Amino acid sequence: MSVDRSENAARNGRDAERWKERGVMLRVFVYVFATHLFAGFVWLLFYVGEHAPK
C-alpha cells in the first residue's frame, strides 16, 4: 500500500513540474509576443510621423 502512495506522490510531483514548465514557457511566449507587438507599434508611429505632411 505504501508503494502505491509513493508512486502516486512521485507522479504528482512530475505533473506539477510539467505544469510549472508549461506556465513558464507560456509566459515567455506572451512576453516576447507582447514586446514585439509593442516595438512594431512604436516603429509604426515613427514611420507615420516621418511621412506625415508638414
N, C-alpha and C. Protein backbone atom coordinates (compact mmCIF):
# COMPACT_ATOMS: atom_id res chain seq x y z
N MET A 1 0.82 -1.19 0.00
CA MET A 1 0.00 0.00 0.00
C MET A 1 0.87 1.27 0.00
N SER A 2 1.95 1.27 0.76
CA SER A 2 2.81 2.45 0.81
C SER A 2 3.55 2.65 -0.51
N VAL A 3 3.77 1.58 -1.26
CA VAL A 3 4.43 1.69 -2.56
C VAL A 3 3.53 2.47 -3.52
N ASP A 4 2.24 2.18 -3.51
CA ASP A 4 1.31 2.90 -4.37
C ASP A 4 1.28 4.38 -4.03
N ARG A 5 1.32 4.70 -2.76
CA ARG A 5 1.29 6.11 -2.34
C ARG A 5 2.55 6.83 -2.80
N SER A 6 3.71 6.20 -2.67
CA SER A 6 4.95 6.86 -3.08
C SER A 6 5.00 7.02 -4.60
N GLU A 7 4.50 6.05 -5.34
CA GLU A 7 4.45 6.19 -6.80
C GLU A 7 3.50 7.32 -7.20
N ASN A 8 2.37 7.37 -6.53
CA ASN A 8 1.39 8.43 -6.81
C ASN A 8 1.97 9.80 -6.47
N ALA A 9 2.67 9.92 -5.38
CA ALA A 9 3.28 11.19 -4.98
C ALA A 9 4.35 11.60 -5.99
N ALA A 10 5.14 10.64 -6.45
CA ALA A 10 6.17 10.95 -7.44
C ALA A 10 5.52 11.40 -8.75
N ARG A 11 4.45 10.74 -9.14
CA ARG A 11 3.76 11.11 -10.37
C ARG A 11 3.17 12.51 -10.25
N ASN A 12 2.58 12.81 -9.11
CA ASN A 12 2.03 14.15 -8.89
C ASN A 12 3.12 15.21 -8.91
N GLY A 13 4.28 14.88 -8.38
CA GLY A 13 5.40 15.82 -8.40
C GLY A 13 5.87 16.10 -9.81
N ARG A 14 5.93 15.07 -10.64
CA ARG A 14 6.33 15.25 -12.04
C ARG A 14 5.30 16.06 -12.79
N ASP A 15 4.03 15.78 -12.53
CA ASP A 15 2.96 16.53 -13.19
C ASP A 15 3.01 18.01 -12.81
N ALA A 16 3.27 18.28 -11.55
CA ALA A 16 3.35 19.66 -11.09
C ALA A 16 4.52 20.38 -11.77
N GLU A 17 5.64 19.69 -11.92
CA GLU A 17 6.80 20.28 -12.59
C GLU A 17 6.49 20.56 -14.06
N ARG A 18 5.76 19.65 -14.69
CA ARG A 18 5.40 19.87 -16.10
C ARG A 18 4.50 21.09 -16.24
N TRP A 19 3.54 21.24 -15.32
CA TRP A 19 2.65 22.40 -15.38
C TRP A 19 3.43 23.69 -15.15
N LYS A 20 4.38 23.66 -14.23
CA LYS A 20 5.20 24.86 -13.99
C LYS A 20 6.02 25.19 -15.23
N GLU A 21 6.58 24.16 -15.85
CA GLU A 21 7.38 24.38 -17.05
C GLU A 21 6.51 24.94 -18.18
N ARG A 22 5.30 24.41 -18.33
CA ARG A 22 4.39 24.94 -19.35
C ARG A 22 4.02 26.39 -19.05
N GLY A 23 3.81 26.69 -17.79
CA GLY A 23 3.47 28.06 -17.40
C GLY A 23 4.59 29.03 -17.73
N VAL A 24 5.81 28.62 -17.47
CA VAL A 24 6.96 29.47 -17.77
C VAL A 24 7.08 29.67 -19.28
N MET A 25 6.93 28.60 -20.04
CA MET A 25 7.03 28.72 -21.49
C MET A 25 5.92 29.61 -22.06
N LEU A 26 4.72 29.47 -21.53
CA LEU A 26 3.61 30.32 -21.97
C LEU A 26 3.89 31.78 -21.64
N ARG A 27 4.40 32.03 -20.45
CA ARG A 27 4.71 33.39 -20.04
C ARG A 27 5.80 33.99 -20.94
N VAL A 28 6.83 33.22 -21.23
CA VAL A 28 7.90 33.70 -22.11
C VAL A 28 7.34 34.02 -23.49
N PHE A 29 6.49 33.13 -24.02
CA PHE A 29 5.90 33.37 -25.33
C PHE A 29 5.07 34.65 -25.33
N VAL A 30 4.26 34.84 -24.31
CA VAL A 30 3.41 36.04 -24.22
C VAL A 30 4.27 37.28 -24.10
N TYR A 31 5.30 37.26 -23.27
CA TYR A 31 6.15 38.43 -23.10
C TYR A 31 6.88 38.77 -24.39
N VAL A 32 7.41 37.77 -25.07
CA VAL A 32 8.13 38.01 -26.33
C VAL A 32 7.15 38.55 -27.37
N PHE A 33 5.98 37.94 -27.48
CA PHE A 33 4.98 38.41 -28.44
C PHE A 33 4.55 39.83 -28.13
N ALA A 34 4.27 40.13 -26.87
CA ALA A 34 3.82 41.47 -26.49
C ALA A 34 4.92 42.50 -26.73
N THR A 35 6.16 42.14 -26.47
CA THR A 35 7.28 43.06 -26.69
C THR A 35 7.42 43.38 -28.18
N HIS A 36 7.33 42.35 -29.01
CA HIS A 36 7.43 42.58 -30.45
C HIS A 36 6.23 43.39 -30.97
N LEU A 37 5.08 43.13 -30.43
CA LEU A 37 3.89 43.89 -30.83
C LEU A 37 4.06 45.36 -30.46
N PHE A 38 4.54 45.62 -29.26
CA PHE A 38 4.77 47.00 -28.82
C PHE A 38 5.85 47.67 -29.67
N ALA A 39 6.93 46.95 -29.95
CA ALA A 39 8.00 47.50 -30.78
C ALA A 39 7.49 47.82 -32.18
N GLY A 40 6.65 46.94 -32.73
CA GLY A 40 6.07 47.20 -34.05
C GLY A 40 5.18 48.42 -34.03
N PHE A 41 4.42 48.61 -32.97
CA PHE A 41 3.57 49.79 -32.84
C PHE A 41 4.41 51.07 -32.77
N VAL A 42 5.48 51.04 -32.01
CA VAL A 42 6.36 52.22 -31.91
C VAL A 42 6.99 52.50 -33.27
N TRP A 43 7.43 51.44 -33.96
CA TRP A 43 8.00 51.60 -35.29
C TRP A 43 6.97 52.22 -36.24
N LEU A 44 5.72 51.77 -36.17
CA LEU A 44 4.66 52.31 -37.00
C LEU A 44 4.43 53.80 -36.69
N LEU A 45 4.48 54.18 -35.43
CA LEU A 45 4.33 55.59 -35.07
C LEU A 45 5.44 56.44 -35.69
N PHE A 46 6.67 55.96 -35.62
CA PHE A 46 7.78 56.69 -36.23
C PHE A 46 7.62 56.77 -37.74
N TYR A 47 7.19 55.68 -38.36
CA TYR A 47 7.01 55.64 -39.81
C TYR A 47 5.92 56.63 -40.24
N VAL A 48 4.79 56.60 -39.55
CA VAL A 48 3.70 57.52 -39.90
C VAL A 48 4.11 58.96 -39.62
N GLY A 49 4.82 59.20 -38.53
CA GLY A 49 5.28 60.54 -38.22
C GLY A 49 6.27 61.07 -39.23
N GLU A 50 7.11 60.20 -39.77
CA GLU A 50 8.11 60.61 -40.75
C GLU A 50 7.43 60.97 -42.08
N HIS A 51 6.36 60.30 -42.41
CA HIS A 51 5.69 60.53 -43.69
C HIS A 51 4.47 61.45 -43.58
N ALA A 52 4.30 62.08 -42.46
CA ALA A 52 3.17 63.00 -42.28
C ALA A 52 3.41 64.28 -43.05
N PRO A 53 2.37 64.85 -43.61
CA PRO A 53 2.55 66.15 -44.31
C PRO A 53 2.96 67.22 -43.29
N LYS A 54 3.91 68.03 -43.73
CA LYS A 54 4.43 69.05 -42.80
C LYS A 54 4.06 70.45 -43.26
